[in-house]
């Protein structure tokens, strides 16, 4: 991105460079989640995508959400109006909470606050059996957890978390049926089949493209390309093994499904403060401290956390 800025200030912007970065980013992400690039729209934020999905719901629809899920997967439906009703369930009970009156299940594949991994197969199966659609946030998953976007009707992912991209690069994956049912309410000039020759929209998921912020895709493309070239199973095994070793040192129980995120109660913020003092980047979420183990972490980083906390 620095190189791009230098080039722009000396020779001006090159639209070809930006367009190629965007389309390669789209292709990389499509590869990561197992779909064709035609099923992927570019976006900027999770909440904007959720707002698009909410706008496509019929009046009076019931939306089932996970209690304490990330707010971007809840608030667009809470504030959608038109009689849309939001109901909540605990993550382990999500599949069983889907009923014949549920229009949409909106949930994060991996919970931001706790690192809990949803039983995606059970949720998708239950939704199909009851005629509900699924809207899955994979922001906390793609980059360490293998994700098959074809399991769901719609998937959103912001790439600035596990995919190490700049903020402002997100993706929306849509089933063909949903492409026809949703209205491209945010469509701009880039949503045409050929953005440079048309402003009237295409027939696949690209009709939902938002106008891109050019420089962030220049930074995102090499990061996405790196992840697209890795073996997802190896990444999953590596990151979850690091997290498991940290749980052993902390005396924490193993989760129902392996996760690369380790959290524990920290209402007073003492653990988070000690980690910060040791120069370790962690975060506080909903009264818990959260340590995320990425592909760039190693066993020594786990030891650093343990030493900082006196384990």
C-alpha atoms as a PDB file:
ATOM      1  CA  UNK A   1       0.000   0.000   0.000  1.00  0.00           C
ATOM      2  CA  UNK A   2       2.940   2.350   0.681  1.00  0.00           C
ATOM      3  CA  UNK A   3       4.359   1.517  -2.734  1.00  0.00           C
ATOM      4  CA  UNK A   4       0.985   2.217  -4.314  1.00  0.00           C
ATOM      5  CA  UNK A   5       0.739   5.560  -2.550  1.00  0.00           C
ATOM      6  CA  UNK A   6       4.206   6.507  -3.763  1.00  0.00           C
ATOM      7  CA  UNK A   7       3.255   5.559  -7.320  1.00  0.00           C
ATOM      8  CA  UNK A   8       0.013   7.521  -7.185  1.00  0.00           C
ATOM      9  CA  UNK A   9       1.734  10.657  -5.921  1.00  0.00           C
ATOM     10  CA  UNK A  10       4.315  10.516  -8.722  1.00  0.00           C
ATOM     11  CA  UNK A  11       2.522   9.119 -11.780  1.00  0.00           C
ATOM     12  CA  UNK A  12      -1.161   9.121 -10.785  1.00  0.00           C
ATOM     13  CA  UNK A  13      -3.567   6.232 -10.162  1.00  0.00           C
ATOM     14  CA  UNK A  14      -3.573   3.246 -12.494  1.00  0.00           C
ATOM     15  CA  UNK A  15      -7.107   1.831 -12.722  1.00  0.00           C
ATOM     16  CA  UNK A  16      -5.813  -1.354 -14.337  1.00  0.00           C
ATOM     17  CA  UNK A  17      -3.707  -2.125 -11.265  1.00  0.00           C
ATOM     18  CA  UNK A  18      -6.683  -1.593  -8.961  1.00  0.00           C
ATOM     19  CA  UNK A  19      -9.097  -3.641 -11.052  1.00  0.00           C
ATOM     20  CA  UNK A  20      -6.671  -6.544 -11.272  1.00  0.00           C
ATOM     21  CA  UNK A  21      -6.126  -6.463  -7.496  1.00  0.00           C
ATOM     22  CA  UNK A  22      -9.876  -6.558  -6.872  1.00  0.00           C
ATOM     23  CA  UNK A  23     -10.569  -9.423  -9.264  1.00  0.00           C
ATOM     24  CA  UNK A  24      -7.631 -11.479  -8.003  1.00  0.00           C
ATOM     25  CA  UNK A  25      -8.843 -10.866  -4.438  1.00  0.00           C
ATOM     26  CA  UNK A  26     -12.304 -12.080  -5.420  1.00  0.00           C
ATOM     27  CA  UNK A  27     -10.808 -15.209  -6.983  1.00  0.00           C
ATOM     28  CA  UNK A  28      -8.564 -15.908  -3.980  1.00  0.00           C
ATOM     29  CA  UNK A  29     -11.493 -15.675  -1.589  1.00  0.00           C
ATOM     30  CA  UNK A  30     -13.687 -17.842  -3.802  1.00  0.00           C
ATOM     31  CA  UNK A  31     -10.965 -20.506  -3.737  1.00  0.00           C
ATOM     32  CA  UNK A  32     -10.700 -20.260   0.051  1.00  0.00           C
ATOM     33  CA  UNK A  33     -14.390 -21.010   0.596  1.00  0.00           C
ATOM     34  CA  UNK A  34     -14.949 -23.457  -2.261  1.00  0.00           C
ATOM     35  CA  UNK A  35     -17.100 -21.497  -4.699  1.00  0.00           C
ATOM     36  CA  UNK A  36     -16.818 -19.960  -8.150  1.00  0.00           C
ATOM     37  CA  UNK A  37     -15.803 -16.307  -8.298  1.00  0.00           C
ATOM     38  CA  UNK A  38     -19.179 -15.506  -9.902  1.00  0.00           C
ATOM     39  CA  UNK A  39     -20.801 -16.299  -6.537  1.00  0.00           C
ATOM     40  CA  UNK A  40     -18.716 -13.670  -4.708  1.00  0.00           C
ATOM     41  CA  UNK A  41     -19.505  -9.985  -4.325  1.00  0.00           C
ATOM     42  CA  UNK A  42     -17.058  -7.478  -2.898  1.00  0.00           C
ATOM     43  CA  UNK A  43     -18.088  -5.456   0.128  1.00  0.00           C
ATOM     44  CA  UNK A  44     -16.617  -3.189   2.777  1.00  0.00           C
ATOM     45  CA  UNK A  45     -18.233  -4.155   6.092  1.00  0.00           C
ATOM     46  CA  UNK A  46     -20.100  -7.054   7.657  1.00  0.00           C
ATOM     47  CA  UNK A  47     -22.948  -4.838   8.854  1.00  0.00           C
ATOM     48  CA  UNK A  48     -23.555  -3.431   5.360  1.00  0.00           C
ATOM     49  CA  UNK A  49     -23.900  -6.958   3.987  1.00  0.00           C
ATOM     50  CA  UNK A  50     -26.220  -7.901   6.850  1.00  0.00           C
ATOM     51  CA  UNK A  51     -28.293  -4.833   6.043  1.00  0.00           C
ATOM     52  CA  UNK A  52     -28.594  -6.014   2.460  1.00  0.00           C
ATOM     53  CA  UNK A  53     -29.794  -9.431   3.627  1.00  0.00           C
ATOM     54  CA  UNK A  54     -32.232  -7.804   6.063  1.00  0.00           C
ATOM     55  CA  UNK A  55     -33.659  -5.630   3.274  1.00  0.00           C
ATOM     56  CA  UNK A  56     -34.480  -8.776   1.324  1.00  0.00           C
ATOM     57  CA  UNK A  57     -36.595 -10.333   4.075  1.00  0.00           C
ATOM     58  CA  UNK A  58     -40.384 -10.317   3.777  1.00  0.00           C
ATOM     59  CA  UNK A  59     -42.383  -8.143   6.175  1.00  0.00           C
ATOM     60  CA  UNK A  60     -42.956  -9.830   9.525  1.00  0.00           C
ATOM     61  CA  UNK A  61     -40.168 -12.387   9.018  1.00  0.00           C
ATOM     62  CA  UNK A  62     -38.643 -14.207  11.979  1.00  0.00           C
ATOM     63  CA  UNK A  63     -34.852 -14.098  12.249  1.00  0.00           C
ATOM     64  CA  UNK A  64     -33.051 -16.447  14.621  1.00  0.00           C
ATOM     65  CA  UNK A  65     -29.766 -15.103  16.036  1.00  0.00           C
ATOM     66  CA  UNK A  66     -27.200 -16.301  18.561  1.00  0.00           C
ATOM     67  CA  UNK A  67     -27.292 -14.638  21.957  1.00  0.00           C
ATOM     68  CA  UNK A  68     -24.197 -12.441  22.452  1.00  0.00           C
ATOM     69  CA  UNK A  69     -23.141 -12.885  18.826  1.00  0.00           C
ATOM     70  CA  UNK A  70     -21.231 -10.057  17.166  1.00  0.00           C
ATOM     71  CA  UNK A  71     -23.576  -7.082  16.875  1.00  0.00           C
ATOM     72  CA  UNK A  72     -23.144  -6.730  13.103  1.00  0.00           C
ATOM     73  CA  UNK A  73     -25.024 -10.017  12.724  1.00  0.00           C
ATOM     74  CA  UNK A  74     -27.859  -8.871  14.986  1.00  0.00           C
ATOM     75  CA  UNK A  75     -28.493  -5.118  14.841  1.00  0.00           C
ATOM     76  CA  UNK A  76     -29.275  -4.866  11.100  1.00  0.00           C
ATOM     77  CA  UNK A  77     -32.190  -7.231  11.734  1.00  0.00           C
ATOM     78  CA  UNK A  78     -33.242  -5.627  15.026  1.00  0.00           C
ATOM     79  CA  UNK A  79     -33.491  -2.251  13.286  1.00  0.00           C
ATOM     80  CA  UNK A  80     -34.917  -3.539   9.992  1.00  0.00           C
ATOM     81  CA  UNK A  81     -38.478  -2.531  10.862  1.00  0.00           C
ATOM     82  CA  UNK A  82     -41.382  -3.870   8.759  1.00  0.00           C
ATOM     83  CA  UNK A  83     -42.429  -6.146  11.621  1.00  0.00           C
ATOM     84  CA  UNK A  84     -39.294  -8.295  11.419  1.00  0.00           C
ATOM     85  CA  UNK A  85     -38.950 -10.237  14.662  1.00  0.00           C
ATOM     86  CA  UNK A  86     -35.572 -11.303  16.069  1.00  0.00           C
ATOM     87  CA  UNK A  87     -35.425 -14.351  18.303  1.00  0.00           C
ATOM     88  CA  UNK A  88     -32.342 -15.566  20.177  1.00  0.00           C
ATOM     89  CA  UNK A  89     -30.843 -18.938  21.047  1.00  0.00           C
ATOM     90  CA  UNK A  90     -27.661 -20.108  22.738  1.00  0.00           C
ATOM     91  CA  UNK A  91     -25.061 -21.310  20.232  1.00  0.00           C
ATOM     92  CA  UNK A  92     -25.123 -25.014  21.251  1.00  0.00           C
ATOM     93  CA  UNK A  93     -28.934 -25.031  20.884  1.00  0.00           C
ATOM     94  CA  UNK A  94     -29.072 -23.075  17.620  1.00  0.00           C
ATOM     95  CA  UNK A  95     -29.934 -25.996  15.324  1.00  0.00           C
ATOM     96  CA  UNK A  96     -32.732 -27.186  17.617  1.00  0.00           C
ATOM     97  CA  UNK A  97     -34.137 -23.647  17.933  1.00  0.00           C
ATOM     98  CA  UNK A  98     -34.964 -23.407  14.208  1.00  0.00           C
ATOM     99  CA  UNK A  99     -38.677 -23.860  13.580  1.00  0.00           C
ATOM    100  CA  UNK A 100     -41.043 -23.818  10.629  1.00  0.00           C
ATOM    101  CA  UNK A 101     -41.688 -20.117  11.304  1.00  0.00           C
ATOM    102  CA  UNK A 102     -38.001 -19.171  11.034  1.00  0.00           C
ATOM    103  CA  UNK A 103     -37.242 -17.275   7.834  1.00  0.00           C
ATOM    104  CA  UNK A 104     -33.509 -16.755   8.395  1.00  0.00           C
ATOM    105  CA  UNK A 105     -30.803 -18.020  10.744  1.00  0.00           C
ATOM    106  CA  UNK A 106     -28.091 -15.375  11.216  1.00  0.00           C
ATOM    107  CA  UNK A 107     -24.997 -16.561  13.061  1.00  0.00           C
ATOM    108  CA  UNK A 108     -21.216 -16.394  13.254  1.00  0.00           C
ATOM    109  CA  UNK A 109     -19.423 -19.624  12.424  1.00  0.00           C
ATOM    110  CA  UNK A 110     -16.910 -18.770  15.156  1.00  0.00           C
ATOM    111  CA  UNK A 111     -18.009 -16.565  18.020  1.00  0.00           C
ATOM    112  CA  UNK A 112     -15.920 -13.406  18.361  1.00  0.00           C
ATOM    113  CA  UNK A 113     -16.139 -13.200  22.158  1.00  0.00           C
ATOM    114  CA  UNK A 114     -15.561 -16.833  23.094  1.00  0.00           C
ATOM    115  CA  UNK A 115     -14.001 -18.555  20.095  1.00  0.00           C
ATOM    116  CA  UNK A 116     -16.768 -21.183  20.145  1.00  0.00           C
ATOM    117  CA  UNK A 117     -17.235 -22.961  16.823  1.00  0.00           C
ATOM    118  CA  UNK A 118     -20.802 -23.544  15.677  1.00  0.00           C
ATOM    119  CA  UNK A 119     -22.001 -26.972  14.605  1.00  0.00           C
ATOM    120  CA  UNK A 120     -22.374 -25.727  11.043  1.00  0.00           C
ATOM    121  CA  UNK A 121     -23.582 -28.997   9.590  1.00  0.00           C
ATOM    122  CA  UNK A 122     -26.333 -29.351  12.182  1.00  0.00           C
ATOM    123  CA  UNK A 123     -27.484 -25.748  11.674  1.00  0.00           C
ATOM    124  CA  UNK A 124     -27.500 -26.059   7.884  1.00  0.00           C
ATOM    125  CA  UNK A 125     -29.327 -29.391   7.999  1.00  0.00           C
ATOM    126  CA  UNK A 126     -31.959 -28.167  10.449  1.00  0.00           C
ATOM    127  CA  UNK A 127     -32.540 -25.018   8.394  1.00  0.00           C
ATOM    128  CA  UNK A 128     -33.065 -27.016   5.198  1.00  0.00           C
ATOM    129  CA  UNK A 129     -35.505 -29.345   6.904  1.00  0.00           C
ATOM    130  CA  UNK A 130     -37.567 -26.429   8.208  1.00  0.00           C
ATOM    131  CA  UNK A 131     -37.399 -24.241   5.111  1.00  0.00           C
ATOM    132  CA  UNK A 132     -35.219 -21.529   6.678  1.00  0.00           C
ATOM    133  CA  UNK A 133     -32.308 -19.780   5.008  1.00  0.00           C
ATOM    134  CA  UNK A 134     -28.868 -19.422   6.581  1.00  0.00           C
ATOM    135  CA  UNK A 135     -26.686 -16.309   6.765  1.00  0.00           C
ATOM    136  CA  UNK A 136     -23.243 -17.112   8.142  1.00  0.00           C
ATOM    137  CA  UNK A 137     -20.494 -14.722   9.248  1.00  0.00           C
ATOM    138  CA  UNK A 138     -17.119 -16.377   8.585  1.00  0.00           C
ATOM    139  CA  UNK A 139     -14.980 -13.392   9.606  1.00  0.00           C
ATOM    140  CA  UNK A 140     -13.529 -15.203  12.629  1.00  0.00           C
ATOM    141  CA  UNK A 141     -13.121 -18.465  10.697  1.00  0.00           C
ATOM    142  CA  UNK A 142     -11.626 -18.107   7.210  1.00  0.00           C
ATOM    143  CA  UNK A 143      -7.879 -18.054   7.663  1.00  0.00           C
ATOM    144  CA  UNK A 144      -7.648 -20.852  10.218  1.00  0.00           C
ATOM    145  CA  UNK A 145     -10.840 -22.940   9.917  1.00  0.00           C
ATOM    146  CA  UNK A 146     -11.682 -24.673   6.616  1.00  0.00           C
ATOM    147  CA  UNK A 147     -14.960 -23.161   5.398  1.00  0.00           C
ATOM    148  CA  UNK A 148     -17.330 -24.562   2.776  1.00  0.00           C
ATOM    149  CA  UNK A 149     -19.534 -21.644   1.770  1.00  0.00           C
ATOM    150  CA  UNK A 150     -21.833 -23.932  -0.248  1.00  0.00           C
ATOM    151  CA  UNK A 151     -23.341 -25.130   3.048  1.00  0.00           C
ATOM    152  CA  UNK A 152     -25.124 -21.808   3.517  1.00  0.00           C
ATOM    153  CA  UNK A 153     -27.402 -19.508   1.560  1.00  0.00           C
ATOM    154  CA  UNK A 154     -25.258 -16.446   2.251  1.00  0.00           C
ATOM    155  CA  UNK A 155     -21.803 -15.996   3.767  1.00  0.00           C
ATOM    156  CA  UNK A 156     -20.093 -12.761   4.735  1.00  0.00           C
ATOM    157  CA  UNK A 157     -16.430 -12.407   5.659  1.00  0.00           C
ATOM    158  CA  UNK A 158     -14.412  -9.326   6.496  1.00  0.00           C
ATOM    159  CA  UNK A 159     -10.810 -10.087   5.550  1.00  0.00           C
ATOM    160  CA  UNK A 160      -9.116  -7.838   8.107  1.00  0.00           C
ATOM    161  CA  UNK A 161      -9.099 -10.502  10.830  1.00  0.00           C
ATOM    162  CA  UNK A 162      -7.572 -13.931  10.127  1.00  0.00           C
ATOM    163  CA  UNK A 163      -6.836 -13.168   6.476  1.00  0.00           C
ATOM    164  CA  UNK A 164      -4.492 -10.323   7.457  1.00  0.00           C
ATOM    165  CA  UNK A 165      -5.951  -7.843   4.955  1.00  0.00           C
ATOM    166  CA  UNK A 166      -6.482  -4.100   5.484  1.00  0.00           C
ATOM    167  CA  UNK A 167      -9.787  -3.030   6.964  1.00  0.00           C
ATOM    168  CA  UNK A 168     -12.406  -2.285   4.336  1.00  0.00           C
ATOM    169  CA  UNK A 169     -12.203  -5.523   2.322  1.00  0.00           C
ATOM    170  CA  UNK A 170     -15.129  -7.882   2.799  1.00  0.00           C
ATOM    171  CA  UNK A 171     -16.860 -10.508   0.677  1.00  0.00           C
ATOM    172  CA  UNK A 172     -20.385 -11.817   0.253  1.00  0.00           C
ATOM    173  CA  UNK A 173     -21.076 -15.302  -1.109  1.00  0.00           C
ATOM    174  CA  UNK A 174     -24.604 -16.044  -2.361  1.00  0.00           C
ATOM    175  CA  UNK A 175     -26.456 -19.126  -3.560  1.00  0.00           C
ATOM    176  CA  UNK A 176     -27.932 -18.689  -7.036  1.00  0.00           C
ATOM    177  CA  UNK A 177     -31.498 -18.640  -5.647  1.00  0.00           C
ATOM    178  CA  UNK A 178     -30.671 -15.768  -3.302  1.00  0.00           C
ATOM    179  CA  UNK A 179     -29.050 -13.744  -6.092  1.00  0.00           C
ATOM    180  CA  UNK A 180     -32.460 -13.512  -7.716  1.00  0.00           C
ATOM    181  CA  UNK A 181     -34.364 -12.812  -4.500  1.00  0.00           C
ATOM    182  CA  UNK A 182     -32.224 -10.024  -3.048  1.00  0.00           C
ATOM    183  CA  UNK A 183     -32.365  -6.472  -4.335  1.00  0.00           C
ATOM    184  CA  UNK A 184     -28.947  -4.855  -4.985  1.00  0.00           C
ATOM    185  CA  UNK A 185     -29.855  -1.822  -2.893  1.00  0.00           C
ATOM    186  CA  UNK A 186     -26.219  -0.743  -2.521  1.00  0.00           C
ATOM    187  CA  UNK A 187     -25.248  -1.331  -6.142  1.00  0.00           C
ATOM    188  CA  UNK A 188     -23.004   1.314  -7.651  1.00  0.00           C
ATOM    189  CA  UNK A 189     -21.015   1.692 -10.829  1.00  0.00           C
ATOM    190  CA  UNK A 190     -18.799  -1.304 -10.018  1.00  0.00           C
ATOM    191  CA  UNK A 191     -21.800  -3.648  -9.932  1.00  0.00           C
ATOM    192  CA  UNK A 192     -22.011  -3.944 -13.714  1.00  0.00           C
ATOM    193  CA  UNK A 193     -20.854  -6.973 -15.666  1.00  0.00           C
ATOM    194  CA  UNK A 194     -18.068  -4.755 -17.022  1.00  0.00           C
ATOM    195  CA  UNK A 195     -17.730  -1.835 -14.580  1.00  0.00           C
ATOM    196  CA  UNK A 196     -15.873   0.261 -17.130  1.00  0.00           C
ATOM    197  CA  UNK A 197     -18.556  -0.112 -19.793  1.00  0.00           C
ATOM    198  CA  UNK A 198     -21.815  -0.644 -17.894  1.00  0.00           C
ATOM    199  CA  UNK A 199     -23.622   0.784 -14.892  1.00  0.00           C
ATOM    200  CA  UNK A 200     -26.643  -1.472 -15.071  1.00  0.00           C
ATOM    201  CA  UNK A 201     -25.692  -4.607 -13.140  1.00  0.00           C
ATOM    202  CA  UNK A 202     -24.941  -8.212 -13.989  1.00  0.00           C
ATOM    203  CA  UNK A 203     -26.776 -11.441 -13.371  1.00  0.00           C
ATOM    204  CA  UNK A 204     -24.556 -13.138 -10.770  1.00  0.00           C
ATOM    205  CA  UNK A 205     -23.367 -12.122  -7.301  1.00  0.00           C
ATOM    206  CA  UNK A 206     -21.286  -9.298  -8.766  1.00  0.00           C
ATOM    207  CA  UNK A 207     -24.466  -7.241  -9.096  1.00  0.00           C
ATOM    208  CA  UNK A 208     -24.125  -6.726  -5.323  1.00  0.00           C
ATOM    209  CA  UNK A 209     -20.586  -5.303  -5.530  1.00  0.00           C
ATOM    210  CA  UNK A 210     -20.092  -2.075  -3.646  1.00  0.00           C
ATOM    211  CA  UNK A 211     -17.793   0.561  -5.083  1.00  0.00           C
ATOM    212  CA  UNK A 212     -14.322  -0.503  -3.894  1.00  0.00           C
ATOM    213  CA  UNK A 213     -11.832   1.513  -1.889  1.00  0.00           C
ATOM    214  CA  UNK A 214      -8.911   1.048  -4.287  1.00  0.00           C
ATOM    215  CA  UNK A 215      -5.802   1.048  -2.065  1.00  0.00           C
ATOM    216  CA  UNK A 216      -7.059  -1.518   0.437  1.00  0.00           C
ATOM    217  CA  UNK A 217      -7.407  -4.150  -2.277  1.00  0.00           C
ATOM    218  CA  UNK A 218      -3.810  -3.543  -3.295  1.00  0.00           C
ATOM    219  CA  UNK A 219      -2.894  -4.526   0.251  1.00  0.00           C
ATOM    220  CA  UNK A 220      -5.435  -7.350   0.501  1.00  0.00           C
ATOM    221  CA  UNK A 221      -4.591  -9.236  -2.680  1.00  0.00           C
ATOM    222  CA  UNK A 222      -1.155 -10.599  -1.674  1.00  0.00           C
ATOM    223  CA  UNK A 223      -2.450 -11.575   1.768  1.00  0.00           C
ATOM    224  CA  UNK A 224      -5.450 -13.379   0.303  1.00  0.00           C
ATOM    225  CA  UNK A 225      -3.207 -15.012  -2.280  1.00  0.00           C
ATOM    226  CA  UNK A 226      -0.953 -16.321   0.465  1.00  0.00           C
ATOM    227  CA  UNK A 227      -3.842 -17.972   2.320  1.00  0.00           C
ATOM    228  CA  UNK A 228      -5.362 -19.308  -0.896  1.00  0.00           C
ATOM    229  CA  UNK A 229      -2.062 -21.088  -1.573  1.00  0.00           C
ATOM    230  CA  UNK A 230      -1.951 -22.849   1.788  1.00  0.00           C
ATOM    231  CA  UNK A 231      -3.379 -26.223   2.760  1.00  0.00           C
ATOM    232  CA  UNK A 232      -6.444 -25.383   4.916  1.00  0.00           C
ATOM    233  CA  UNK A 233      -6.144 -28.646   6.853  1.00  0.00           C
ATOM    234  CA  UNK A 234      -2.524 -27.891   7.747  1.00  0.00           C
ATOM    235  CA  UNK A 235      -3.376 -24.350   8.845  1.00  0.00           C
ATOM    236  CA  UNK A 236      -6.238 -25.679  10.962  1.00  0.00           C
ATOM    237  CA  UNK A 237      -4.057 -28.340  12.588  1.00  0.00           C
ATOM    238  CA  UNK A 238      -1.242 -25.876  13.293  1.00  0.00           C
ATOM    239  CA  UNK A 239      -3.301 -23.053  14.807  1.00  0.00           C
ATOM    240  CA  UNK A 240      -5.593 -25.269  16.873  1.00  0.00           C
ATOM    241  CA  UNK A 241      -2.585 -27.199  18.227  1.00  0.00           C
ATOM    242  CA  UNK A 242      -1.041 -23.943  19.442  1.00  0.00           C
ATOM    243  CA  UNK A 243      -4.337 -22.981  21.071  1.00  0.00           C
ATOM    244  CA  UNK A 244      -4.647 -26.418  22.678  1.00  0.00           C
ATOM    245  CA  UNK A 245      -1.171 -26.110  24.186  1.00  0.00           C
ATOM    246  CA  UNK A 246      -2.092 -22.738  25.679  1.00  0.00           C
ATOM    247  CA  UNK A 247      -5.261 -24.202  27.199  1.00  0.00           C
ATOM    248  CA  UNK A 248      -3.218 -26.957  28.822  1.00  0.00           C
ATOM    249  CA  UNK A 249      -0.902 -24.363  30.399  1.00  0.00           C
ATOM    250  CA  UNK A 250      -3.906 -22.360  31.576  1.00  0.00           C
ATOM    251  CA  UNK A 251      -5.741 -25.408  32.902  1.00  0.00           C
ATOM    252  CA  UNK A 252      -8.698 -24.693  30.634  1.00  0.00           C
ATOM    253  CA  UNK A 253     -10.957 -27.463  29.343  1.00  0.00           C
ATOM    254  CA  UNK A 254     -10.883 -28.405  25.674  1.00  0.00           C
ATOM    255  CA  UNK A 255     -13.781 -26.902  23.669  1.00  0.00           C
ATOM    256  CA  UNK A 256     -16.464 -29.034  22.055  1.00  0.00           C
ATOM    257  CA  UNK A 257     -14.910 -28.267  18.673  1.00  0.00           C
ATOM    258  CA  UNK A 258     -11.246 -27.205  18.341  1.00  0.00           C
ATOM    259  CA  UNK A 259     -10.680 -23.474  18.079  1.00  0.00           C
ATOM    260  CA  UNK A 260      -7.677 -21.236  17.423  1.00  0.00           C
ATOM    261  CA  UNK A 261      -9.123 -18.733  19.910  1.00  0.00           C
ATOM    262  CA  UNK A 262      -8.511 -19.130  23.639  1.00  0.00           C
ATOM    263  CA  UNK A 263     -10.602 -17.142  26.117  1.00  0.00           C
ATOM    264  CA  UNK A 264     -11.197 -17.113  29.852  1.00  0.00           C
ATOM    265  CA  UNK A 265     -13.078 -14.860  32.326  1.00  0.00           C
ATOM    266  CA  UNK A 266     -11.278 -11.569  32.992  1.00  0.00           C
ATOM    267  CA  UNK A 267     -13.937  -9.185  34.280  1.00  0.00           C
ATOM    268  CA  UNK A 268     -11.387  -6.892  35.933  1.00  0.00           C
ATOM    269  CA  UNK A 269      -9.068  -6.885  32.936  1.00  0.00           C
ATOM    270  CA  UNK A 270      -6.093  -8.087  34.974  1.00  0.00           C
ATOM    271  CA  UNK A 271      -4.961 -10.768  32.510  1.00  0.00           C
ATOM    272  CA  UNK A 272      -5.334  -8.395  29.575  1.00  0.00           C
ATOM    273  CA  UNK A 273      -3.266  -5.744  31.356  1.00  0.00           C
ATOM    274  CA  UNK A 274      -0.469  -8.226  32.147  1.00  0.00           C
ATOM    275  CA  UNK A 275      -0.366  -9.379  28.543  1.00  0.00           C
ATOM    276  CA  UNK A 276      -0.188  -5.775  27.328  1.00  0.00           C
ATOM    277  CA  UNK A 277       2.656  -5.044  29.750  1.00  0.00           C
ATOM    278  CA  UNK A 278       4.562  -7.969  28.248  1.00  0.00           C
ATOM    279  CA  UNK A 279       4.073  -6.577  24.735  1.00  0.00           C
ATOM    280  CA  UNK A 280       1.566  -9.253  23.749  1.00  0.00           C
ATOM    281  CA  UNK A 281      -1.417  -8.286  21.618  1.00  0.00           C
ATOM    282  CA  UNK A 282      -4.651  -9.722  22.992  1.00  0.00           C
ATOM    283  CA  UNK A 283      -8.163  -8.356  23.401  1.00  0.00           C
ATOM    284  CA  UNK A 284     -10.981  -8.089  25.907  1.00  0.00           C
ATOM    285  CA  UNK A 285     -14.410  -9.268  24.806  1.00  0.00           C
ATOM    286  CA  UNK A 286     -17.593  -9.374  26.873  1.00  0.00           C
ATOM    287  CA  UNK A 287     -15.815  -9.751  30.216  1.00  0.00           C
ATOM    288  CA  UNK A 288     -13.248 -12.221  28.882  1.00  0.00           C
ATOM    289  CA  UNK A 289      -9.671 -12.012  27.672  1.00  0.00           C
ATOM    290  CA  UNK A 290      -9.075 -13.450  24.233  1.00  0.00           C
ATOM    291  CA  UNK A 291      -5.840 -14.781  22.729  1.00  0.00           C
ATOM    292  CA  UNK A 292      -5.916 -15.701  19.037  1.00  0.00           C
ATOM    293  CA  UNK A 293      -3.268 -18.017  17.603  1.00  0.00           C
ATOM    294  CA  UNK A 294      -2.459 -17.213  13.972  1.00  0.00           C
ATOM    295  CA  UNK A 295      -0.251 -18.892  11.392  1.00  0.00           C
ATOM    296  CA  UNK A 296       2.482 -16.386  12.220  1.00  0.00           C
ATOM    297  CA  UNK A 297       2.536 -17.486  15.870  1.00  0.00           C
ATOM    298  CA  UNK A 298       4.643 -20.334  17.230  1.00  0.00           C
ATOM    299  CA  UNK A 299       5.347 -22.287  20.407  1.00  0.00           C
ATOM    300  CA  UNK A 300       7.533 -19.494  21.780  1.00  0.00           C
ATOM    301  CA  UNK A 301       4.574 -17.107  21.602  1.00  0.00           C
ATOM    302  CA  UNK A 302       2.554 -19.565  23.680  1.00  0.00           C
ATOM    303  CA  UNK A 303       5.389 -19.636  26.209  1.00  0.00           C
ATOM    304  CA  UNK A 304       5.439 -15.820  26.286  1.00  0.00           C
ATOM    305  CA  UNK A 305       1.746 -15.753  27.188  1.00  0.00           C
ATOM    306  CA  UNK A 306       2.261 -18.345  29.899  1.00  0.00           C
ATOM    307  CA  UNK A 307       5.233 -16.447  31.401  1.00  0.00           C
ATOM    308  CA  UNK A 308       3.363 -13.138  31.350  1.00  0.00           C
ATOM    309  CA  UNK A 309       0.503 -14.682  33.312  1.00  0.00           C
ATOM    310  CA  UNK A 310       2.668 -16.736  35.665  1.00  0.00           C
ATOM    311  CA  UNK A 311       1.504 -20.115  34.405  1.00  0.00           C
END
